[in-house]
Amino acid sequence: MSIGLLSTIASTVVAAFYGGTVSVLALTATFARRRTLRREARSTLALLVPGRPEEFREPSGTRGRFTGAGPTE
């Protein structure tokens, strides 16, 4: 096999793992029940995805639970 083909395969595998990791962390940061788990997932996402703020504040009054409410207008 040529070096170019091996390099292409390796970069595709790395991109797939990176995308999967970011997706799982984003879901965890959004839907985890424990506040500490959400906070840790968000801080890890801030390291992996450039341009994201490191800390997010939860809406006041939710106390870390999912309310089921959609976006407000």
Protein backbone atom coordinates (compact mmCIF):
# COMPACT_ATOMS: atom_id res chain seq x y z
CA MET A 1 0.00 0.00 0.00
CA SER A 2 1.15 3.48 -0.67
CA ILE A 3 1.78 6.03 2.06
CA GLY A 4 -0.92 8.32 0.65
CA LEU A 5 -3.60 5.64 0.96
CA LEU A 6 -2.57 4.77 4.51
CA SER A 7 -2.56 8.43 5.44
CA THR A 8 -6.05 8.90 4.01
CA ILE A 9 -7.40 5.90 5.89
CA ALA A 10 -5.81 7.03 9.15
CA SER A 11 -7.16 10.57 8.86
CA THR A 12 -10.66 9.23 8.12
CA VAL A 13 -10.56 7.01 11.21
CA VAL A 14 -9.30 9.86 13.39
CA ALA A 15 -12.03 12.19 12.07
CA ALA A 16 -14.70 9.59 12.79
CA PHE A 17 -13.51 9.08 16.37
CA TYR A 18 -13.24 12.84 16.93
CA GLY A 19 -16.77 13.42 15.60
CA GLY A 20 -18.16 10.62 17.72
CA THR A 21 -16.44 11.93 20.83
CA VAL A 22 -17.73 15.45 20.31
CA SER A 23 -21.26 14.15 19.66
CA VAL A 24 -21.34 12.08 22.84
CA LEU A 25 -19.93 14.97 24.88
CA ALA A 26 -22.50 17.38 23.42
CA LEU A 27 -25.35 15.02 24.30
CA THR A 28 -23.93 14.53 27.79
CA ALA A 29 -23.50 18.27 28.28
CA THR A 30 -27.11 18.80 27.31
CA PHE A 31 -29.05 15.91 28.80
CA ALA A 32 -27.06 14.52 31.75
CA ARG A 33 -29.04 14.44 34.98
CA ARG A 34 -26.15 15.36 37.25
CA ARG A 35 -24.98 18.96 37.11
CA THR A 36 -21.35 17.98 37.68
CA LEU A 37 -21.42 15.60 34.72
CA ARG A 38 -22.87 18.31 32.47
CA ARG A 39 -20.23 20.78 33.68
CA GLU A 40 -17.37 18.36 33.04
CA ALA A 41 -18.68 17.51 29.56
CA ARG A 42 -18.94 21.22 28.74
CA SER A 43 -15.43 21.96 29.92
CA THR A 44 -14.08 19.05 27.87
CA LEU A 45 -15.99 20.29 24.82
CA ALA A 46 -14.44 23.71 25.32
CA LEU A 47 -11.01 22.09 24.98
CA LEU A 48 -11.91 20.05 21.89
CA VAL A 49 -13.99 22.56 19.93
CA PRO A 50 -12.35 25.93 19.29
CA GLY A 51 -14.47 29.03 19.69
CA ARG A 52 -16.76 27.69 22.41
CA PRO A 53 -16.94 29.49 25.75
CA GLU A 54 -15.56 27.37 28.57
CA GLU A 55 -18.45 27.70 31.00
CA PHE A 56 -22.17 28.02 30.41
CA ARG A 57 -24.65 29.19 32.97
CA GLU A 58 -27.79 27.23 33.51
CA PRO A 59 -31.07 29.13 33.27
CA SER A 60 -32.09 30.40 36.68
CA GLY A 61 -34.84 28.43 38.36
CA THR A 62 -34.13 25.11 36.67
CA ARG A 63 -31.86 23.77 39.43
CA GLY A 64 -30.21 21.35 37.04
CA ARG A 65 -33.31 19.50 35.90
CA PHE A 66 -34.67 19.27 32.38
CA THR A 67 -37.91 21.19 32.14
CA GLY A 68 -38.95 19.97 28.72
CA ALA A 69 -39.68 23.53 27.64
CA GLY A 70 -38.64 24.52 24.17
CA PRO A 71 -37.00 27.76 23.14
CA THR A 72 -38.88 30.90 24.06
CA GLU A 73 -39.64 33.64 21.57
